[in-house]
Amino acid sequence: MQTFIEEDFLLKGETAKKLYHDYAKDLPIIDFHNHLVPEELLTDRSFSNLTDVWLGGDHYKWRAMRTHGVEESLISGSADPKAKFDAWADTVPNLIGNPLYHWTHLELSRYFDINSLLNNQTKDDIYEKTAEMLSSGGVTTHSVLKKSRVEFLGTTDDPADPLDTHRKLQQADVPFTAAPSFRADQAIHPEKPTFLSWVEKLGNIQQKPIETYDDFLEALSERIDAFDAAGCRASDHGINRMFYKETGDREAAALFSRRLYGGVLNEEEAEKLKTHTMLFLGEKYAEKGWAMQLHIGPLRNNYTKKFHEIGADSGFDSIGDAPVAEPLAALLDRLASKEALPKTVLFTLNPRDNPVLAAMAGNYQEGGIPGKVQFGTAWWHNDHEAGMIDQMTALASIGVIRHFIGMLTDSRSVLSMSRHEYFRRLLSSLIGGWVDDGKAPNDEALLKEYIEGICYKNAKAYFNLT
């Protein structure tokens, strides 16, 4: 059977079709947050089979396969690549209603010109055809990015990364621009067992031992300078539970020193130290003109046995429900009151908090930067049709969707660039539906501004991509 991914897929109504085909479809892509590997971007990595590019580290697919009853050896284990692919092909027909069903067939269509449904009857032909295209060099990292019209990629990089690959990318003849993003999660989690080893690693990259809190902040500041020189446009923080508890310089230094030399911090003390560090970082980001991305709300590593067997980011994370409004407001207010609030993008994993973050963003807007504080796109467990529509509806209802910076993949797979098409089709249907329902004017020039801005131009301006 032929796929359902046709020309007007997800486009409801004539206005939606016009907005997508005339204005959204062929725009370049600004993928400002992803987890692509810089070395693969530099070397134009090729893949030997579809299992490598599809199932290697994709915890979205891993969760679905486990739910379908697939054995772990065929998911994250050492089974033969074809056997893993067959297990995925057996899973896919059960996923109608899940975005993986759409994404799987969209990727097959866009990058391999395969328009058949993936199932047990078609899996062998699809595996063989894609393997031939991949092994012959017909589909590589660069070819996918070029075909998708990707203009900018913001990867996710640890502050202790030496950035050698990104410096090479700056000089390389590649069909896109790539820049690191400053992912400082380790810096704001002194309670974690890995904190001390990471502090040592940070000192090593700067060739200076970290013996005091001032040394720590100086090392972070110097890494920010290094990232900025490598083209960085944004930081990123994964925050499981939003925090804010003020302390002074002296207490923060004492808490850091105690932790550095093997002491334990209680929950309140850890929050004081991470708040003090976060405020320092926020000011530095503002000085550089970066955007500060806050990804708030996952409940991580819930299946502890599997976490210890397989590791983090393997499909055992879900949606948290910790309070967010008061600590987030306190953090943003402290920075804004010091005139040190950077451009900020707020993401929530709990859709309950969509109106909370949409309203929160409106508190801290300032002249000169349209949409300085953004309510970011639907993320992770909300990265589907209903989730995207809910996020955009909340933003439009409470804030100003005209200045929305739009979609990102947050993905480890280069094939995920097709999700920008998915988003653009949904955006066109949302706005086109407002027009068809008489809720917005059928003003073609105005609608063109909305679509082109949200899909491309707003992000390009927001991240200073000239």
Protein backbone atom coordinates (compact mmCIF):
# COMPACT_ATOMS: atom_id res chain seq x y z
CA MET A 1 0.00 0.00 0.00
CA GLN A 2 1.19 3.49 -0.82
CA THR A 3 1.89 5.90 2.00
CA PHE A 4 -0.56 8.56 3.14
CA ILE A 5 2.15 11.24 3.02
CA GLU A 6 0.71 13.19 0.10
CA GLU A 7 1.10 16.76 -1.11
CA ASP A 8 -1.50 18.16 1.29
CA PHE A 9 -0.68 15.97 4.29
CA LEU A 10 -1.99 17.66 7.50
CA LEU A 11 -3.20 20.70 5.56
CA LYS A 12 -6.83 21.40 6.40
CA GLY A 13 -8.52 23.81 4.04
CA GLU A 14 -7.50 25.82 1.00
CA THR A 15 -5.92 28.64 3.01
CA ALA A 16 -3.65 26.21 4.83
CA LYS A 17 -2.57 24.68 1.52
CA LYS A 18 -1.72 28.07 0.08
CA LEU A 19 0.20 29.20 3.16
CA TYR A 20 2.28 26.05 3.22
CA HIS A 21 2.98 25.57 -0.48
CA ASP A 22 3.50 29.26 -1.33
CA TYR A 23 5.34 30.49 1.75
CA ALA A 24 6.50 27.81 4.19
CA LYS A 25 7.58 24.82 2.14
CA ASP A 26 10.84 26.03 0.63
CA LEU A 27 12.18 28.24 3.40
CA PRO A 28 15.64 27.45 4.82
CA ILE A 29 15.86 25.79 8.23
CA ILE A 30 17.33 27.27 11.41
CA ASP A 31 17.67 24.24 13.70
CA PHE A 32 18.89 26.09 16.75
CA HIS A 33 18.80 23.18 19.20
CA ASN A 34 19.76 19.61 18.37
CA HIS A 35 22.03 16.81 19.56
CA LEU A 36 23.85 16.11 16.30
CA VAL A 37 27.48 15.04 16.68
CA PRO A 38 29.89 17.75 15.45
CA GLU A 39 32.39 15.15 14.18
CA GLU A 40 29.68 13.66 11.94
CA LEU A 41 28.86 17.10 10.61
CA LEU A 42 32.52 17.72 9.80
CA THR A 43 33.25 14.37 8.16
CA ASP A 44 29.93 14.06 6.30
CA ARG A 45 29.20 10.76 7.98
CA SER A 46 27.67 8.07 5.84
CA PHE A 47 25.72 5.10 7.17
CA SER A 48 25.85 1.45 6.18
CA ASN A 49 22.17 0.76 6.85
CA LEU A 50 18.97 2.37 8.06
CA THR A 51 19.33 0.81 11.52
CA ASP A 52 22.43 2.94 12.15
CA VAL A 53 20.78 6.21 11.26
CA TRP A 54 17.32 5.39 12.67
CA LEU A 55 17.73 3.30 15.80
CA GLY A 56 21.14 4.20 17.19
CA GLY A 57 20.33 6.10 20.37
CA ASP A 58 16.77 7.11 19.39
CA HIS A 59 14.96 6.77 22.71
CA TYR A 60 11.63 7.78 21.12
CA LYS A 61 11.73 4.60 19.03
CA TRP A 62 13.18 2.55 21.87
CA ARG A 63 10.21 3.38 24.13
CA ALA A 64 7.75 2.41 21.41
CA MET A 65 9.54 -0.87 20.75
CA ARG A 66 9.55 -1.79 24.45
CA THR A 67 5.85 -0.99 24.66
CA HIS A 68 5.30 -3.32 21.70
CA GLY A 69 7.04 -6.09 23.65
CA VAL A 70 10.32 -6.16 21.72
CA GLU A 71 13.25 -7.77 23.56
CA GLU A 72 15.96 -5.34 24.73
CA SER A 73 18.63 -7.10 22.68
CA LEU A 74 16.78 -5.89 19.56
CA ILE A 75 16.55 -2.35 20.89
CA SER A 76 19.71 -1.20 22.66
CA GLY A 77 21.55 -4.52 22.57
CA SER A 78 24.02 -6.17 20.23
CA ALA A 79 21.61 -7.88 17.85
CA ASP A 80 22.22 -7.85 14.11
CA PRO A 81 21.26 -4.54 12.44
CA LYS A 82 18.75 -6.26 10.14
CA ALA A 83 17.11 -7.99 13.10
CA LYS A 84 16.76 -4.64 14.86
CA PHE A 85 15.28 -3.07 11.75
CA ASP A 86 12.81 -5.94 11.43
CA ALA A 87 11.74 -5.38 15.04
CA TRP A 88 11.14 -1.71 14.29
CA ALA A 89 9.23 -2.57 11.11
CA ASP A 90 7.04 -4.90 13.16
CA THR A 91 6.41 -2.10 15.67
CA VAL A 92 5.53 0.69 13.23
CA PRO A 93 2.04 -0.53 12.16
CA ASN A 94 1.00 -0.33 15.82
CA LEU A 95 1.85 3.37 16.10
CA ILE A 96 -1.02 5.14 14.36
CA GLY A 97 -1.70 8.24 16.45
CA ASN A 98 1.94 8.51 17.55
CA PRO A 99 4.13 11.03 15.70
CA LEU A 100 6.67 8.26 15.08
CA TYR A 101 4.25 6.82 12.54
CA HIS A 102 4.21 10.10 10.64
CA TRP A 103 7.93 10.79 11.01
CA THR A 104 8.95 7.30 9.87
CA HIS A 105 7.05 7.57 6.61
CA LEU A 106 7.95 11.22 6.10
CA GLU A 107 11.67 10.37 6.36
CA LEU A 108 11.35 7.41 4.00
CA SER A 109 9.58 9.62 1.46
CA ARG A 110 11.77 12.72 1.69
CA TYR A 111 15.23 11.16 1.85
CA PHE A 112 14.84 7.77 0.14
CA ASP A 113 11.92 8.38 -2.26
CA ILE A 114 10.10 5.43 -0.70
CA ASN A 115 6.33 5.88 -0.56
CA SER A 116 5.27 2.49 0.78
CA LEU A 117 4.09 1.81 4.30
CA LEU A 118 6.72 0.17 6.48
CA ASN A 119 5.48 -3.21 7.74
CA ASN A 120 6.37 -6.91 7.73
CA GLN A 121 5.51 -7.23 4.03
CA THR A 122 7.68 -4.30 2.88
CA LYS A 123 10.54 -4.38 5.39
CA ASP A 124 12.98 -6.44 3.31
CA ASP A 125 12.59 -4.32 0.17
CA ILE A 126 12.84 -1.09 2.15
CA TYR A 127 15.93 -2.27 4.03
CA GLU A 128 17.68 -3.33 0.84
CA LYS A 129 16.85 -0.15 -1.08
CA THR A 130 17.91 2.15 1.74
CA ALA A 131 21.08 0.13 2.37
CA GLU A 132 22.04 0.49 -1.29
CA MET A 133 21.47 4.26 -1.21
CA LEU A 134 23.35 4.66 2.07
CA SER A 135 26.33 2.47 1.16
CA SER A 136 26.74 4.10 -2.25
CA GLY A 137 26.96 7.56 -0.69
CA GLY A 138 23.64 8.66 -2.11
CA VAL A 139 22.38 9.64 1.34
CA THR A 140 24.95 11.19 3.71
CA THR A 141 24.82 13.71 6.53
CA HIS A 142 25.60 16.62 4.21
CA SER A 143 23.23 15.50 1.46
CA VAL A 144 20.33 15.27 3.93
CA LEU A 145 21.09 18.71 5.35
CA LYS A 146 21.44 20.21 1.89
CA LYS A 147 18.22 18.62 0.64
CA SER A 148 16.43 19.94 3.73
CA ARG A 149 17.81 23.45 3.08
CA VAL A 150 19.40 23.60 6.53
CA GLU A 151 21.15 26.92 7.02
CA PHE A 152 22.16 26.78 10.70
CA LEU A 153 22.67 24.05 13.29
CA GLY A 154 23.07 24.67 17.01
CA THR A 155 24.61 21.55 18.55
CA THR A 156 24.64 20.77 22.28
CA ASP A 157 28.10 20.90 23.86
CA ASP A 158 29.58 20.53 27.32
CA PRO A 159 31.51 23.58 28.62
CA ALA A 160 34.56 21.31 29.04
CA ASP A 161 34.53 20.36 25.35
CA PRO A 162 37.74 21.58 23.69
CA LEU A 163 35.70 22.69 20.63
CA ASP A 164 38.36 21.49 18.19
CA THR A 165 35.74 20.09 15.82
CA HIS A 166 33.67 23.26 15.86
CA ARG A 167 36.73 25.33 15.05
CA LYS A 168 37.35 23.06 12.06
CA LEU A 169 33.72 23.38 11.04
CA GLN A 170 34.11 27.16 10.99
CA GLN A 171 36.80 26.77 8.33
CA ALA A 172 35.34 23.82 6.44
CA ASP A 173 33.56 23.96 3.10
CA VAL A 174 30.20 22.62 4.27
CA PRO A 175 26.69 23.51 3.03
CA PHE A 176 25.55 24.88 6.41
CA THR A 177 26.76 26.84 9.43
CA ALA A 178 27.18 24.98 12.71
CA ALA A 179 27.85 26.44 16.14
CA PRO A 180 28.15 25.01 19.63
CA SER A 181 25.61 25.68 22.37
CA PHE A 182 26.81 25.99 25.96
CA ARG A 183 25.09 23.10 27.80
CA ALA A 184 26.08 23.87 31.39
CA ASP A 185 23.96 21.26 33.20
CA GLN A 186 26.93 19.89 35.10
CA ALA A 187 27.75 23.34 36.46
CA ILE A 188 24.40 23.77 38.18
CA HIS A 189 24.07 20.34 39.75
CA PRO A 190 26.53 20.20 42.66
CA GLU A 191 24.44 17.47 44.28
CA LYS A 192 25.27 14.93 41.55
CA PRO A 193 27.98 12.30 42.11
CA THR A 194 29.62 13.38 38.83
CA PHE A 195 30.06 17.01 39.90
CA LEU A 196 33.58 16.71 41.32
CA SER A 197 35.00 14.81 38.35
CA TRP A 198 33.41 17.33 36.00
CA VAL A 199 34.92 20.28 37.92
CA GLU A 200 38.31 18.61 37.55
CA LYS A 201 37.69 18.18 33.83
CA LEU A 202 36.74 21.86 33.56
CA GLY A 203 39.98 22.85 35.27
CA ASN A 204 42.00 20.60 32.98
CA ILE A 205 40.58 22.12 29.80
CA GLN A 206 41.60 25.55 31.10
CA GLN A 207 44.92 24.19 32.40
CA LYS A 208 44.18 25.71 35.78
CA PRO A 209 43.28 23.78 38.93
CA ILE A 210 39.93 24.75 40.46
CA GLU A 211 40.44 25.21 44.18
CA THR A 212 37.84 27.89 45.02
CA TYR A 213 34.43 29.08 43.87
CA ASP A 214 36.08 32.10 42.25
CA ASP A 215 38.29 29.69 40.28
CA PHE A 216 35.15 27.83 39.21
CA LEU A 217 33.36 30.96 38.01
CA GLU A 218 36.47 32.18 36.24
CA ALA A 219 36.78 28.87 34.40
CA LEU A 220 33.14 29.04 33.33
CA SER A 221 33.63 32.62 32.15
CA GLU A 222 36.67 31.64 30.11
CA ARG A 223 34.78 28.74 28.53
CA ILE A 224 31.97 31.14 27.62
CA ASP A 225 34.59 33.28 25.86
CA ALA A 226 35.88 30.20 24.01
CA PHE A 227 32.37 29.17 22.95
CA ASP A 228 31.65 32.71 21.79
CA ALA A 229 34.77 32.67 19.65
CA ALA A 230 33.54 29.41 18.10
CA GLY A 231 30.29 31.07 17.02
CA CYS A 232 28.02 30.12 19.94
CA ARG A 233 24.62 31.82 19.92
CA ALA A 234 22.91 30.16 22.88
CA SER A 235 23.24 28.32 26.14
CA ASP A 236 21.00 25.47 27.17
CA HIS A 237 20.01 24.12 30.58
CA GLY A 238 18.07 20.94 31.28
CA ILE A 239 16.24 21.57 34.56
CA ASN A 240 14.33 18.68 36.06
CA ARG A 241 12.85 20.77 38.85
CA MET A 242 12.88 24.56 38.72
CA PHE A 243 14.82 26.11 41.59
CA TYR A 244 15.57 29.45 43.20
CA LYS A 245 17.05 30.12 46.61
CA GLU A 246 19.21 33.19 47.10
CA THR A 247 22.49 33.36 48.95
CA GLY A 248 25.43 35.75 49.14
CA ASP A 249 28.90 35.45 47.65
CA ARG A 250 30.47 34.33 50.92
CA GLU A 251 28.03 31.50 51.60
CA ALA A 252 28.15 30.33 47.98
CA ALA A 253 31.94 30.16 48.17
CA ALA A 254 31.78 28.21 51.42
CA LEU A 255 29.22 25.75 50.03
CA PHE A 256 31.31 25.17 46.91
CA SER A 257 34.45 24.63 48.97
CA ARG A 258 32.70 22.10 51.19
CA ARG A 259 31.40 20.19 48.16
CA LEU A 260 34.76 20.37 46.37
CA TYR A 261 36.57 18.77 49.25
CA GLY A 262 34.17 15.89 49.66
CA GLY A 263 31.38 17.34 51.75
CA VAL A 264 27.68 16.80 51.20
CA LEU A 265 25.13 19.57 50.62
CA ASN A 266 21.56 19.23 51.79
CA GLU A 267 18.75 20.14 49.40
CA GLU A 268 18.51 23.78 50.50
CA GLU A 269 22.27 24.29 50.33
CA ALA A 270 22.46 22.74 46.87
CA GLU A 271 19.69 25.05 45.64
CA LYS A 272 21.53 28.07 47.02
CA LEU A 273 24.73 27.15 45.19
CA LYS A 274 23.05 26.29 41.90
CA THR A 275 20.99 29.52 42.04
CA HIS A 276 24.09 31.62 42.64
CA THR A 277 25.88 29.90 39.74
CA MET A 278 22.85 30.23 37.47
CA LEU A 279 22.59 33.96 38.12
CA PHE A 280 26.29 34.35 37.31
CA LEU A 281 25.84 32.45 34.05
CA GLY A 282 22.73 34.42 33.08
CA GLU A 283 24.65 37.68 33.38
CA LYS A 284 27.46 36.30 31.23
CA TYR A 285 25.02 35.16 28.56
CA ALA A 286 23.49 38.63 28.49
CA GLU A 287 26.93 40.20 28.03
CA LYS A 288 27.52 37.99 24.99
CA GLY A 289 24.09 38.61 23.48
CA TRP A 290 23.30 34.88 23.68
CA ALA A 291 19.91 33.31 24.20
CA MET A 292 19.42 31.27 27.39
CA GLN A 293 17.33 28.13 26.78
CA LEU A 294 15.65 26.54 29.79
CA HIS A 295 14.23 23.05 29.22
CA ILE A 296 12.11 22.50 32.30
CA GLY A 297 10.28 19.51 33.69
CA PRO A 298 11.52 16.00 32.90
CA LEU A 299 11.35 13.25 35.49
CA ARG A 300 14.45 11.28 34.60
CA ASN A 301 15.76 7.72 34.94
CA ASN A 302 12.57 6.33 36.45
CA TYR A 303 13.32 2.67 35.81
CA THR A 304 16.46 2.48 37.93
CA LYS A 305 17.38 -1.10 37.08
CA LYS A 306 17.36 -0.36 33.35
CA PHE A 307 19.08 2.98 33.91
CA HIS A 308 22.00 1.20 35.57
CA GLU A 309 22.08 -1.44 32.84
CA ILE A 310 21.76 0.79 29.77
CA GLY A 311 22.44 4.36 30.92
CA ALA A 312 20.86 7.78 30.70
CA ASP A 313 18.82 9.04 27.73
CA SER A 314 17.65 5.53 26.92
CA GLY A 315 13.89 5.97 27.13
CA PHE A 316 13.18 5.90 30.86
CA ASP A 317 12.30 9.59 31.29
CA SER A 318 8.78 11.00 31.58
CA ILE A 319 6.92 14.19 32.44
CA GLY A 320 7.46 15.74 35.87
CA ASP A 321 4.90 17.80 37.76
CA ALA A 322 6.98 19.93 40.14
CA PRO A 323 5.89 23.58 40.60
CA VAL A 324 7.55 25.95 38.15
CA ALA A 325 5.99 29.42 38.28
CA GLU A 326 7.38 30.94 41.49
CA PRO A 327 11.02 29.82 41.24
CA LEU A 328 11.16 30.65 37.53
CA ALA A 329 9.70 34.12 38.13
CA ALA A 330 12.22 34.73 40.90
CA LEU A 331 15.16 33.77 38.67
CA LEU A 332 14.04 35.88 35.73
CA ASP A 333 13.11 38.81 37.96
CA ARG A 334 16.50 38.86 39.67
CA LEU A 335 18.30 39.00 36.34
CA ALA A 336 15.88 41.49 34.80
CA SER A 337 16.03 43.79 37.83
CA LYS A 338 19.81 43.96 37.40
CA GLU A 339 19.34 44.67 33.68
CA ALA A 340 21.14 41.38 33.05
CA LEU A 341 18.39 39.12 31.67
CA PRO A 342 19.55 37.55 28.40
CA LYS A 343 17.21 36.62 25.62
CA THR A 344 15.46 33.59 27.09
CA VAL A 345 13.54 30.64 25.64
CA LEU A 346 11.27 28.79 28.07
CA PHE A 347 10.34 25.17 27.32
CA THR A 348 8.06 23.02 29.44
CA LEU A 349 7.73 19.26 29.27
CA ASN A 350 4.43 19.35 31.16
CA PRO A 351 1.66 20.71 28.91
CA ARG A 352 -0.18 21.70 32.08
CA ASP A 353 2.31 24.56 32.23
CA ASN A 354 1.78 25.88 28.69
CA PRO A 355 -0.29 28.88 29.83
CA VAL A 356 2.05 29.37 32.81
CA LEU A 357 5.11 29.79 30.59
CA ALA A 358 3.24 31.72 27.90
CA ALA A 359 2.17 34.23 30.56
CA MET A 360 5.59 34.20 32.24
CA ALA A 361 7.33 35.18 29.02
CA GLY A 362 5.16 38.29 28.79
CA ASN A 363 6.40 39.58 32.14
CA TYR A 364 9.93 40.28 30.98
CA GLN A 365 9.66 41.72 27.48
CA GLU A 366 11.62 44.88 26.69
CA GLY A 367 11.99 47.35 23.85
CA GLY A 368 14.46 46.64 21.09
CA ILE A 369 14.06 42.86 20.79
CA PRO A 370 10.70 41.50 19.57
CA GLY A 371 9.85 38.48 21.70
CA LYS A 372 12.95 38.77 23.88
CA VAL A 373 11.56 36.10 26.22
CA GLN A 374 10.09 33.25 24.20
CA PHE A 375 7.68 30.47 25.06
CA GLY A 376 9.47 27.69 23.18
CA THR A 377 7.92 25.11 20.91
CA ALA A 378 6.36 21.84 22.10
CA TRP A 379 9.14 19.58 23.29
CA TRP A 380 9.90 15.84 23.62
CA HIS A 381 6.74 14.08 24.89
CA ASN A 382 4.68 16.97 23.45
CA ASP A 383 6.42 16.92 20.07
CA HIS A 384 3.32 15.80 18.17
CA GLU A 385 0.31 17.29 16.40
CA ALA A 386 -1.82 17.91 19.49
CA GLY A 387 1.17 19.13 21.51
CA MET A 388 2.34 21.60 18.87
CA ILE A 389 -1.14 22.96 18.31
CA ASP A 390 -1.71 23.34 22.08
CA GLN A 391 1.60 25.18 22.54
CA MET A 392 0.97 27.56 19.63
CA THR A 393 -2.61 28.16 20.71
CA ALA A 394 -1.50 29.08 24.24
CA LEU A 395 1.18 31.37 22.85
CA ALA A 396 -1.21 33.07 20.46
CA SER A 397 -3.92 33.44 23.11
CA ILE A 398 -1.69 34.81 25.87
CA GLY A 399 1.33 36.22 24.05
CA VAL A 400 2.34 37.28 20.53
CA ILE A 401 2.75 34.39 18.11
CA ARG A 402 3.91 36.75 15.36
CA HIS A 403 7.37 36.84 17.00
CA PHE A 404 7.58 33.09 17.75
CA ILE A 405 10.97 31.57 16.79
CA GLY A 406 9.38 28.28 15.81
CA MET A 407 10.63 24.73 15.48
CA LEU A 408 13.74 22.82 16.48
CA THR A 409 14.45 19.09 16.28
CA ASP A 410 16.15 18.37 19.65
CA SER A 411 17.25 15.22 17.83
CA ARG A 412 20.30 12.98 17.47
CA SER A 413 19.35 11.97 13.91
CA VAL A 414 20.00 14.05 10.81
CA LEU A 415 16.83 12.59 9.24
CA SER A 416 14.82 14.46 11.87
CA MET A 417 15.14 17.66 9.83
CA SER A 418 11.88 16.57 8.20
CA ARG A 419 10.18 17.53 11.48
CA HIS A 420 10.48 21.14 10.38
CA GLU A 421 8.20 20.26 7.47
CA TYR A 422 5.83 18.60 9.95
CA PHE A 423 5.74 21.75 12.07
CA ARG A 424 5.28 24.04 9.07
CA ARG A 425 2.31 22.04 7.86
CA LEU A 426 0.69 22.25 11.31
CA LEU A 427 1.39 25.97 11.60
CA SER A 428 -0.13 26.58 8.17
CA SER A 429 -3.22 24.59 9.15
CA LEU A 430 -3.58 26.45 12.44
CA ILE A 431 -3.38 29.93 10.93
CA GLY A 432 -5.27 28.88 7.80
CA GLY A 433 -8.03 27.52 10.02
CA TRP A 434 -8.32 30.86 11.82
CA VAL A 435 -8.78 32.53 8.45
CA ASP A 436 -11.35 30.00 7.22
CA ASP A 437 -13.28 30.35 10.48
CA GLY A 438 -13.39 34.13 10.18
CA LYS A 439 -11.07 34.64 13.17
CA ALA A 440 -8.28 36.25 11.13
CA PRO A 441 -8.29 38.34 7.95
CA ASN A 442 -7.53 36.77 4.61
CA ASP A 443 -4.76 39.32 4.10
CA GLU A 444 -2.17 37.49 2.03
CA ALA A 445 0.68 39.92 2.68
CA LEU A 446 0.10 39.80 6.45
CA LEU A 447 -0.22 36.01 6.54
CA LYS A 448 2.97 35.69 4.50
CA GLU A 449 4.80 37.70 7.19
CA TYR A 450 3.52 35.41 9.92
CA ILE A 451 4.46 32.18 8.12
CA GLU A 452 7.89 33.30 6.93
CA GLY A 453 8.68 34.85 10.29
CA ILE A 454 7.73 31.88 12.45
CA CYS A 455 9.28 29.29 10.12
CA TYR A 456 12.57 31.08 9.50
CA LYS A 457 13.09 34.82 9.78
CA ASN A 458 12.31 35.25 13.48
CA ALA A 459 14.87 32.65 14.57
CA LYS A 460 17.46 34.05 12.20
CA ALA A 461 17.11 37.50 13.76
CA TYR A 462 16.80 36.22 17.34
CA PHE A 463 20.06 34.28 17.17
CA ASN A 464 21.89 37.05 15.28
CA LEU A 465 22.47 34.93 12.19
CA THR A 466 23.47 37.32 9.45
